[in-house]
Amino acid sequence: MKDFASLSGRRAQLRDIAIALPDDVVTNDDLLVEIPPDKRALMVRHTGVTKRHVAKTEETALDLGERACRQLFTKNPDLPAQVDTLIFCTQSADYLLPSNACVLHGRLGLPDDVAAFDLPHACSAFIYAISLVQALIKSGAKHDVLVVTADTYSKYIHPQDRSTRLIFGDGAAVTWFAAGDGNGGVADVVCGTDGRHFDKFWVPAGGVREPLNDAVRRHETRDSSGNVRSRADIHMAGRDMFSFVSSRIPEHVRAVLARNDLTVASVDRFVFHQASGVILDSLTQLLELDPAKVIRHLDNVGNTVSASIPISLRAAHDDGRISAGQRVLLCGFGAGLSWGSALLTW
């Protein structure tokens, strides 16, 4: 295996993960009460989700991220004094400015010499953050980095848009990376972007190009499947997103493995962004993976956007599906369009 950390013996090592989910749970029975049972079963198989956690009106991604951090600090009481970088990955920020990371830094009472900034990506955010973490740690600039991944997409979904409401859940995770020596930890990270198709998954209104107002919120459209949206809500071109993932991601994963002199058989576990059941099925088939190697954790939480990979890692570690010494490939993809993969040893 090629050693892409040859410039330095330091590597980012994943030390711990803590998660926080909203208390309120919405089941498919709550959402599909008007759907015939046969069609309901088909929709459940397609999404792979039976229930999801949904933030309260006054509860934000920042609140969930804080809860996750406090759980992590309870387990690791010396950590707050060690942290030198706080990265907050979200597209559900509390404010236009300042960043969630700065507000969270104050809430947690972290030292003044901690660098804090947001990474406003979604489903690929965790991988993009790992690329930054690896660079910071390899360079010797930083040694203990917290990556908070939290999103509350429920606030961007129209109540009558089942195409997205069935899939997404709210949640947060915080992942602690620390500098380490040797062959463990993060070995390689590769990211990509295709901004030409940014409007395949977006919220059209709400930024400075198209500010929100009552008229924007009131103007709703209904698609051929009966899903209702305004331009203040998530617009997802489902078929186009499926085509993007199915055509782009297998090629990307093979390229990452090839540049590390690996094959799919050399990887012990694959943890993809938990987009939907049908997308996980497609990637498993297209990459000719052993299904037992593919971590699935969306049945009871849904697609938790930036937090989906670390939430899945936490669950797989806890139930023994991932164990120490295993080679793991993480892969995220989604809005942007953006994607990325990270190879690491657990």
Foldseek 3Di string as FASTA:
>chain_A
DDFPLVLFQKFWAWDDKFKFFAPDKDFLCNQCVPPPPVVSVVVCLWFVAGMAGAHDPPDFQLNRLLVRVVVVCVVVVVPLAQAQEEEEEELGAPDPDDGSQVVSCVVVVHDPNHHTDYDDAWQAVVLVVSVVVGVCRSVVNGFKYKYKYWYRQVVQFDSQACVPVRFAHTIMMIIIIGIDGDDFWWRDKDKDFDQVPLLQKDQQEPDPVHHDDPVQQPDWDADPVGGIDGSSHIHHNVVVVLVCLLVPVLVVVQVVQVVVVHALVQAQAEEEQSRGNNSLVSSCVSSVHDVLRYQHDAHHHGRNIHCRRVVSVNVCVVVVSDDAQGWYKYKTADRSRMIMIIIGGD
